[in-house]
Amino acid sequence: MNPKIEKLEKEIEKTKTRIAEMQAKLHKLEEQKTELENTDYVAVARSFKLTPQQLADFLKSQQAAPSETVLPQEKEDVHEA
């Protein structure tokens, strides 16, 4: 076989291997980022001291009417006033 072709084939394989390694690294980095984001979301949710049901209700209400930003805990305070 032509030596130039063989050289190109080796370079192609080497490049494919590097791409695969970089894709694996990218996947790991994306997983780490997602985990950190999830940790942040949990910390924020806990800071409002909502029960899991209150949090779920709040998130559902935001999907239905995103313009309302009052948390369930704040609604109770408003009704009590």
PDB file of N, CA and C in Angstrom:
ATOM      1  N   MET A   1       0.834  -1.182   0.000  1.00  0.00           N
ATOM      2  CA  MET A   1       0.000   0.000   0.000  1.00  0.00           C
ATOM      3  C   MET A   1       0.880   1.248   0.000  1.00  0.00           C
ATOM      4  N   ASN A   2       0.350   2.290  -0.520  1.00  0.00           N
ATOM      5  CA  ASN A   2       1.044   3.567  -0.593  1.00  0.00           C
ATOM      6  C   ASN A   2       1.376   4.059   0.821  1.00  0.00           C
ATOM      7  N   PRO A   3       2.631   4.384   1.085  1.00  0.00           N
ATOM      8  CA  PRO A   3       3.030   4.825   2.430  1.00  0.00           C
ATOM      9  C   PRO A   3       2.289   6.088   2.906  1.00  0.00           C
ATOM     10  N   LYS A   4       1.948   6.950   1.969  1.00  0.00           N
ATOM     11  CA  LYS A   4       1.216   8.164   2.344  1.00  0.00           C
ATOM     12  C   LYS A   4      -0.183   7.819   2.855  1.00  0.00           C
ATOM     13  N   ILE A   5      -0.802   6.841   2.222  1.00  0.00           N
ATOM     14  CA  ILE A   5      -2.133   6.400   2.647  1.00  0.00           C
ATOM     15  C   ILE A   5      -2.050   5.783   4.036  1.00  0.00           C
ATOM     16  N   GLU A   6      -1.040   4.941   4.259  1.00  0.00           N
ATOM     17  CA  GLU A   6      -0.854   4.311   5.557  1.00  0.00           C
ATOM     18  C   GLU A   6      -0.647   5.374   6.648  1.00  0.00           C
ATOM     19  N   LYS A   7       0.143   6.374   6.317  1.00  0.00           N
ATOM     20  CA  LYS A   7       0.401   7.447   7.271  1.00  0.00           C
ATOM     21  C   LYS A   7      -0.896   8.190   7.604  1.00  0.00           C
ATOM     22  N   LEU A   8      -1.690   8.476   6.584  1.00  0.00           N
ATOM     23  CA  LEU A   8      -2.963   9.152   6.797  1.00  0.00           C
ATOM     24  C   LEU A   8      -3.933   8.290   7.615  1.00  0.00           C
ATOM     25  N   GLU A   9      -3.948   6.994   7.348  1.00  0.00           N
ATOM     26  CA  GLU A   9      -4.820   6.092   8.106  1.00  0.00           C
ATOM     27  C   GLU A   9      -4.440   6.085   9.589  1.00  0.00           C
ATOM     28  N   LYS A  10      -3.136   6.074   9.869  1.00  0.00           N
ATOM     29  CA  LYS A  10      -2.675   6.113  11.252  1.00  0.00           C
ATOM     30  C   LYS A  10      -3.076   7.432  11.914  1.00  0.00           C
ATOM     31  N   GLU A  11      -2.937   8.507  11.178  1.00  0.00           N
ATOM     32  CA  GLU A  11      -3.303   9.823  11.715  1.00  0.00           C
ATOM     33  C   GLU A  11      -4.814   9.907  11.965  1.00  0.00           C
ATOM     34  N   ILE A  12      -5.590   9.324  11.064  1.00  0.00           N
ATOM     35  CA  ILE A  12      -7.047   9.296  11.234  1.00  0.00           C
ATOM     36  C   ILE A  12      -7.418   8.521  12.495  1.00  0.00           C
ATOM     37  N   GLU A  13      -6.844   7.373  12.691  1.00  0.00           N
ATOM     38  CA  GLU A  13      -7.119   6.553  13.873  1.00  0.00           C
ATOM     39  C   GLU A  13      -6.698   7.272  15.150  1.00  0.00           C
ATOM     40  N   LYS A  14      -5.541   7.901  15.096  1.00  0.00           N
ATOM     41  CA  LYS A  14      -5.057   8.659  16.251  1.00  0.00           C
ATOM     42  C   LYS A  14      -6.029   9.792  16.588  1.00  0.00           C
ATOM     43  N   THR A  15      -6.504  10.483  15.571  1.00  0.00           N
ATOM     44  CA  THR A  15      -7.445  11.583  15.770  1.00  0.00           C
ATOM     45  C   THR A  15      -8.778  11.078  16.311  1.00  0.00           C
ATOM     46  N   LYS A  16      -9.260   9.959  15.784  1.00  0.00           N
ATOM     47  CA  LYS A  16     -10.509   9.378  16.269  1.00  0.00           C
ATOM     48  C   LYS A  16     -10.389   9.000  17.747  1.00  0.00           C
ATOM     49  N   THR A  17      -9.246   8.456  18.119  1.00  0.00           N
ATOM     50  CA  THR A  17      -9.011   8.078  19.514  1.00  0.00           C
ATOM     51  C   THR A  17      -9.023   9.315  20.406  1.00  0.00           C
ATOM     52  N   ARG A  18      -8.359  10.367  19.979  1.00  0.00           N
ATOM     53  CA  ARG A  18      -8.337  11.604  20.767  1.00  0.00           C
ATOM     54  C   ARG A  18      -9.723  12.211  20.885  1.00  0.00           C
ATOM     55  N   ILE A  19     -10.486  12.164  19.800  1.00  0.00           N
ATOM     56  CA  ILE A  19     -11.857  12.691  19.836  1.00  0.00           C
ATOM     57  C   ILE A  19     -12.689  11.906  20.842  1.00  0.00           C
ATOM     58  N   ALA A  20     -12.581  10.596  20.825  1.00  0.00           N
ATOM     59  CA  ALA A  20     -13.325   9.751  21.758  1.00  0.00           C
ATOM     60  C   ALA A  20     -12.939  10.065  23.203  1.00  0.00           C
ATOM     61  N   GLU A  21     -11.646  10.253  23.438  1.00  0.00           N
ATOM     62  CA  GLU A  21     -11.179  10.598  24.787  1.00  0.00           C
ATOM     63  C   GLU A  21     -11.728  11.955  25.220  1.00  0.00           C
ATOM     64  N   MET A  22     -11.713  12.913  24.321  1.00  0.00           N
ATOM     65  CA  MET A  22     -12.214  14.248  24.646  1.00  0.00           C
ATOM     66  C   MET A  22     -13.730  14.233  24.865  1.00  0.00           C
ATOM     67  N   GLN A  23     -14.459  13.423  24.098  1.00  0.00           N
ATOM     68  CA  GLN A  23     -15.909  13.305  24.306  1.00  0.00           C
ATOM     69  C   GLN A  23     -16.208  12.699  25.669  1.00  0.00           C
ATOM     70  N   ALA A  24     -15.423  11.722  26.072  1.00  0.00           N
ATOM     71  CA  ALA A  24     -15.596  11.122  27.401  1.00  0.00           C
ATOM     72  C   ALA A  24     -15.304  12.154  28.487  1.00  0.00           C
ATOM     73  N   LYS A  25     -14.246  12.930  28.291  1.00  0.00           N
ATOM     74  CA  LYS A  25     -13.915  13.978  29.255  1.00  0.00           C
ATOM     75  C   LYS A  25     -15.031  15.014  29.320  1.00  0.00           C
ATOM     76  N   LEU A  26     -15.547  15.413  28.171  1.00  0.00           N
ATOM     77  CA  LEU A  26     -16.649  16.374  28.117  1.00  0.00           C
ATOM     78  C   LEU A  26     -17.862  15.844  28.868  1.00  0.00           C
ATOM     79  N   HIS A  27     -18.171  14.581  28.666  1.00  0.00           N
ATOM     80  CA  HIS A  27     -19.318  13.963  29.336  1.00  0.00           C
ATOM     81  C   HIS A  27     -19.138  14.006  30.855  1.00  0.00           C
ATOM     82  N   LYS A  28     -17.948  13.690  31.336  1.00  0.00           N
ATOM     83  CA  LYS A  28     -17.665  13.730  32.773  1.00  0.00           C
ATOM     84  C   LYS A  28     -17.795  15.147  33.321  1.00  0.00           C
ATOM     85  N   LEU A  29     -17.285  16.116  32.577  1.00  0.00           N
ATOM     86  CA  LEU A  29     -17.379  17.507  33.016  1.00  0.00           C
ATOM     87  C   LEU A  29     -18.832  17.977  33.070  1.00  0.00           C
ATOM     88  N   GLU A  30     -19.623  17.579  32.079  1.00  0.00           N
ATOM     89  CA  GLU A  30     -21.040  17.948  32.084  1.00  0.00           C
ATOM     90  C   GLU A  30     -21.766  17.318  33.267  1.00  0.00           C
ATOM     91  N   GLU A  31     -21.417  16.071  33.598  1.00  0.00           N
ATOM     92  CA  GLU A  31     -22.017  15.413  34.758  1.00  0.00           C
ATOM     93  C   GLU A  31     -21.651  16.145  36.052  1.00  0.00           C
ATOM     94  N   GLN A  32     -20.399  16.558  36.170  1.00  0.00           N
ATOM     95  CA  GLN A  32     -19.964  17.294  37.352  1.00  0.00           C
ATOM     96  C   GLN A  32     -20.713  18.622  37.473  1.00  0.00           C
ATOM     97  N   LYS A  33     -20.869  19.302  36.350  1.00  0.00           N
ATOM     98  CA  LYS A  33     -21.587  20.582  36.339  1.00  0.00           C
ATOM     99  C   LYS A  33     -23.029  20.380  36.768  1.00  0.00           C
ATOM    100  N   THR A  34     -23.676  19.366  36.234  1.00  0.00           N
ATOM    101  CA  THR A  34     -25.064  19.075  36.592  1.00  0.00           C
ATOM    102  C   THR A  34     -25.184  18.768  38.076  1.00  0.00           C
ATOM    103  N   GLU A  35     -24.249  18.003  38.603  1.00  0.00           N
ATOM    104  CA  GLU A  35     -24.273  17.666  40.028  1.00  0.00           C
ATOM    105  C   GLU A  35     -24.129  18.921  40.887  1.00  0.00           C
ATOM    106  N   LEU A  36     -23.235  19.813  40.509  1.00  0.00           N
ATOM    107  CA  LEU A  36     -23.067  21.063  41.250  1.00  0.00           C
ATOM    108  C   LEU A  36     -24.308  21.946  41.159  1.00  0.00           C
ATOM    109  N   GLU A  37     -24.922  22.004  39.971  1.00  0.00           N
ATOM    110  CA  GLU A  37     -26.154  22.772  39.814  1.00  0.00           C
ATOM    111  C   GLU A  37     -27.260  22.187  40.686  1.00  0.00           C
ATOM    112  N   ASN A  38     -27.376  20.873  40.702  1.00  0.00           N
ATOM    113  CA  ASN A  38     -28.397  20.231  41.522  1.00  0.00           C
ATOM    114  C   ASN A  38     -28.174  20.526  43.000  1.00  0.00           C
ATOM    115  N   THR A  39     -26.926  20.520  43.421  1.00  0.00           N
ATOM    116  CA  THR A  39     -26.599  20.843  44.812  1.00  0.00           C
ATOM    117  C   THR A  39     -27.024  22.274  45.133  1.00  0.00           C
ATOM    118  N   ASP A  40     -26.768  23.187  44.200  1.00  0.00           N
ATOM    119  CA  ASP A  40     -27.186  24.578  44.398  1.00  0.00           C
ATOM    120  C   ASP A  40     -28.702  24.692  44.483  1.00  0.00           C
ATOM    121  N   TYR A  41     -29.419  23.994  43.614  1.00  0.00           N
ATOM    122  CA  TYR A  41     -30.885  24.044  43.629  1.00  0.00           C
ATOM    123  C   TYR A  41     -31.429  23.526  44.958  1.00  0.00           C
ATOM    124  N   VAL A  42     -30.846  22.456  45.446  1.00  0.00           N
ATOM    125  CA  VAL A  42     -31.296  21.886  46.721  1.00  0.00           C
ATOM    126  C   VAL A  42     -31.051  22.886  47.849  1.00  0.00           C
ATOM    127  N   ALA A  43     -29.889  23.535  47.838  1.00  0.00           N
ATOM    128  CA  ALA A  43     -29.570  24.517  48.873  1.00  0.00           C
ATOM    129  C   ALA A  43     -30.556  25.682  48.844  1.00  0.00           C
ATOM    130  N   VAL A  44     -30.891  26.158  47.655  1.00  0.00           N
ATOM    131  CA  VAL A  44     -31.855  27.250  47.537  1.00  0.00           C
ATOM    132  C   VAL A  44     -33.224  26.789  48.033  1.00  0.00           C
ATOM    133  N   ALA A  45     -33.655  25.627  47.608  1.00  0.00           N
ATOM    134  CA  ALA A  45     -34.963  25.114  48.020  1.00  0.00           C
ATOM    135  C   ALA A  45     -35.021  24.966  49.536  1.00  0.00           C
ATOM    136  N   ARG A  46     -33.961  24.472  50.132  1.00  0.00           N
ATOM    137  CA  ARG A  46     -33.942  24.294  51.588  1.00  0.00           C
ATOM    138  C   ARG A  46     -33.930  25.627  52.317  1.00  0.00           C
ATOM    139  N   SER A  47     -33.356  26.648  51.703  1.00  0.00           N
ATOM    140  CA  SER A  47     -33.294  27.955  52.358  1.00  0.00           C
ATOM    141  C   SER A  47     -34.686  28.552  52.554  1.00  0.00           C
ATOM    142  N   PHE A  48     -35.649  28.126  51.744  1.00  0.00           N
ATOM    143  CA  PHE A  48     -37.025  28.612  51.895  1.00  0.00           C
ATOM    144  C   PHE A  48     -37.817  27.807  52.913  1.00  0.00           C
ATOM    145  N   LYS A  49     -37.227  26.741  53.419  1.00  0.00           N
ATOM    146  CA  LYS A  49     -37.834  25.892  54.439  1.00  0.00           C
ATOM    147  C   LYS A  49     -39.241  25.420  54.039  1.00  0.00           C
ATOM    148  N   LEU A  50     -39.348  24.968  52.806  1.00  0.00           N
ATOM    149  CA  LEU A  50     -40.603  24.433  52.297  1.00  0.00           C
ATOM    150  C   LEU A  50     -40.616  22.921  52.463  1.00  0.00           C
ATOM    151  N   THR A  51     -41.793  22.383  52.652  1.00  0.00           N
ATOM    152  CA  THR A  51     -41.916  20.930  52.634  1.00  0.00           C
ATOM    153  C   THR A  51     -41.772  20.480  51.185  1.00  0.00           C
ATOM    154  N   PRO A  52     -41.461  19.222  50.964  1.00  0.00           N
ATOM    155  CA  PRO A  52     -41.372  18.742  49.573  1.00  0.00           C
ATOM    156  C   PRO A  52     -42.683  18.992  48.803  1.00  0.00           C
ATOM    157  N   GLN A  53     -43.817  18.847  49.477  1.00  0.00           N
ATOM    158  CA  GLN A  53     -45.106  19.072  48.805  1.00  0.00           C
ATOM    159  C   GLN A  53     -45.285  20.550  48.459  1.00  0.00           C
ATOM    160  N   GLN A  54     -44.896  21.443  49.361  1.00  0.00           N
ATOM    161  CA  GLN A  54     -45.000  22.870  49.080  1.00  0.00           C
ATOM    162  C   GLN A  54     -44.105  23.253  47.901  1.00  0.00           C
ATOM    163  N   LEU A  55     -42.912  22.693  47.877  1.00  0.00           N
ATOM    164  CA  LEU A  55     -41.998  22.969  46.773  1.00  0.00           C
ATOM    165  C   LEU A  55     -42.581  22.464  45.457  1.00  0.00           C
ATOM    166  N   ALA A  56     -43.117  21.257  45.463  1.00  0.00           N
ATOM    167  CA  ALA A  56     -43.722  20.701  44.248  1.00  0.00           C
ATOM    168  C   ALA A  56     -44.891  21.563  43.788  1.00  0.00           C
ATOM    169  N   ASP A  57     -45.737  21.988  44.731  1.00  0.00           N
ATOM    170  CA  ASP A  57     -46.880  22.843  44.382  1.00  0.00           C
ATOM    171  C   ASP A  57     -46.408  24.166  43.796  1.00  0.00           C
ATOM    172  N   PHE A  58     -45.380  24.744  44.409  1.00  0.00           N
ATOM    173  CA  PHE A  58     -44.844  26.008  43.911  1.00  0.00           C
ATOM    174  C   PHE A  58     -44.312  25.857  42.486  1.00  0.00           C
ATOM    175  N   LEU A  59     -43.544  24.806  42.249  1.00  0.00           N
ATOM    176  CA  LEU A  59     -42.979  24.601  40.916  1.00  0.00           C
ATOM    177  C   LEU A  59     -44.071  24.368  39.876  1.00  0.00           C
ATOM    178  N   LYS A  60     -45.103  23.632  40.247  1.00  0.00           N
ATOM    179  CA  LYS A  60     -46.230  23.419  39.327  1.00  0.00           C
ATOM    180  C   LYS A  60     -46.932  24.731  39.032  1.00  0.00           C
ATOM    181  N   SER A  61     -47.108  25.565  40.057  1.00  0.00           N
ATOM    182  CA  SER A  61     -47.780  26.847  39.850  1.00  0.00           C
ATOM    183  C   SER A  61     -46.959  27.748  38.936  1.00  0.00           C
ATOM    184  N   GLN A  62     -45.632  27.637  39.015  1.00  0.00           N
ATOM    185  CA  GLN A  62     -44.776  28.455  38.159  1.00  0.00           C
ATOM    186  C   GLN A  62     -44.847  28.012  36.705  1.00  0.00           C
ATOM    187  N   GLN A  63     -45.074  26.735  36.479  1.00  0.00           N
ATOM    188  CA  GLN A  63     -45.242  26.259  35.106  1.00  0.00           C
ATOM    189  C   GLN A  63     -46.561  26.767  34.547  1.00  0.00           C
ATOM    190  N   ALA A  64     -47.579  26.804  35.385  1.00  0.00           N
ATOM    191  CA  ALA A  64     -48.905  27.224  34.936  1.00  0.00           C
ATOM    192  C   ALA A  64     -48.977  28.736  34.763  1.00  0.00           C
ATOM    193  N   ALA A  65     -48.412  29.498  35.706  1.00  0.00           N
ATOM    194  CA  ALA A  65     -48.475  30.954  35.667  1.00  0.00           C
ATOM    195  C   ALA A  65     -47.126  31.527  36.098  1.00  0.00           C
ATOM    196  N   PRO A  66     -46.159  31.600  35.196  1.00  0.00           N
ATOM    197  CA  PRO A  66     -44.813  32.022  35.577  1.00  0.00           C
ATOM    198  C   PRO A  66     -44.726  33.453  36.102  1.00  0.00           C
ATOM    199  N   SER A  67     -45.745  34.277  35.881  1.00  0.00           N
ATOM    200  CA  SER A  67     -45.664  35.661  36.340  1.00  0.00           C
ATOM    201  C   SER A  67     -45.816  35.776  37.850  1.00  0.00           C
ATOM    202  N   GLU A  68     -46.448  34.795  38.507  1.00  0.00           N
ATOM    203  CA  GLU A  68     -46.607  34.838  39.951  1.00  0.00           C
ATOM    204  C   GLU A  68     -45.355  34.258  40.599  1.00  0.00           C
ATOM    205  N   THR A  69     -44.741  35.041  41.485  1.00  0.00           N
ATOM    206  CA  THR A  69     -43.492  34.601  42.094  1.00  0.00           C
ATOM    207  C   THR A  69     -43.595  34.461  43.607  1.00  0.00           C
ATOM    208  N   VAL A  70     -44.785  34.461  44.150  1.00  0.00           N
ATOM    209  CA  VAL A  70     -44.960  34.337  45.590  1.00  0.00           C
ATOM    210  C   VAL A  70     -44.821  32.876  45.976  1.00  0.00           C
ATOM    211  N   LEU A  71     -43.959  32.616  46.942  1.00  0.00           N
ATOM    212  CA  LEU A  71     -43.761  31.256  47.434  1.00  0.00           C
ATOM    213  C   LEU A  71     -44.915  30.857  48.337  1.00  0.00           C
ATOM    214  N   PRO A  72     -45.202  29.563  48.437  1.00  0.00           N
ATOM    215  CA  PRO A  72     -46.296  29.099  49.292  1.00  0.00           C
ATOM    216  C   PRO A  72     -46.180  29.622  50.725  1.00  0.00           C
ATOM    217  N   GLN A  73     -44.992  29.678  51.252  1.00  0.00           N
ATOM    218  CA  GLN A  73     -44.780  30.165  52.615  1.00  0.00           C
ATOM    219  C   GLN A  73     -45.191  31.634  52.714  1.00  0.00           C
ATOM    220  N   GLU A  74     -44.871  32.426  51.684  1.00  0.00           N
ATOM    221  CA  GLU A  74     -45.226  33.829  51.672  1.00  0.00           C
ATOM    222  C   GLU A  74     -46.737  34.016  51.517  1.00  0.00           C
ATOM    223  N   LYS A  75     -47.394  33.140  50.764  1.00  0.00           N
ATOM    224  CA  LYS A  75     -48.842  33.214  50.616  1.00  0.00           C
ATOM    225  C   LYS A  75     -49.516  33.080  51.978  1.00  0.00           C
ATOM    226  N   GLU A  76     -49.018  32.150  52.783  1.00  0.00           N
ATOM    227  CA  GLU A  76     -49.616  31.946  54.109  1.00  0.00           C
ATOM    228  C   GLU A  76     -49.462  33.208  54.942  1.00  0.00           C
ATOM    229  N   ASP A  77     -48.317  33.871  54.860  1.00  0.00           N
ATOM    230  CA  ASP A  77     -48.094  35.090  55.609  1.00  0.00           C
ATOM    231  C   ASP A  77     -49.034  36.202  55.140  1.00  0.00           C
ATOM    232  N   VAL A  78     -49.299  36.295  53.856  1.00  0.00           N
ATOM    233  CA  VAL A  78     -50.182  37.301  53.298  1.00  0.00           C
ATOM    234  C   VAL A  78     -51.605  37.077  53.788  1.00  0.00           C
ATOM    235  N   HIS A  79     -52.058  35.833  53.800  1.00  0.00           N
ATOM    236  CA  HIS A  79     -53.412  35.520  54.233  1.00  0.00           C
ATOM    237  C   HIS A  79     -53.607  35.779  55.724  1.00  0.00           C
ATOM    238  N   GLU A  80     -52.551  35.656  56.493  1.00  0.00           N
ATOM    239  CA  GLU A  80     -52.638  35.847  57.929  1.00  0.00           C
ATOM    240  C   GLU A  80     -52.696  37.328  58.297  1.00  0.00           C
ATOM    241  N   ALA A  81     -52.202  38.203  57.421  1.00  0.00           N
ATOM    242  CA  ALA A  81     -52.118  39.629  57.725  1.00  0.00           C
ATOM    243  C   ALA A  81     -53.450  40.323  57.679  1.00  0.00           C
TER     244      ALA A  81
END
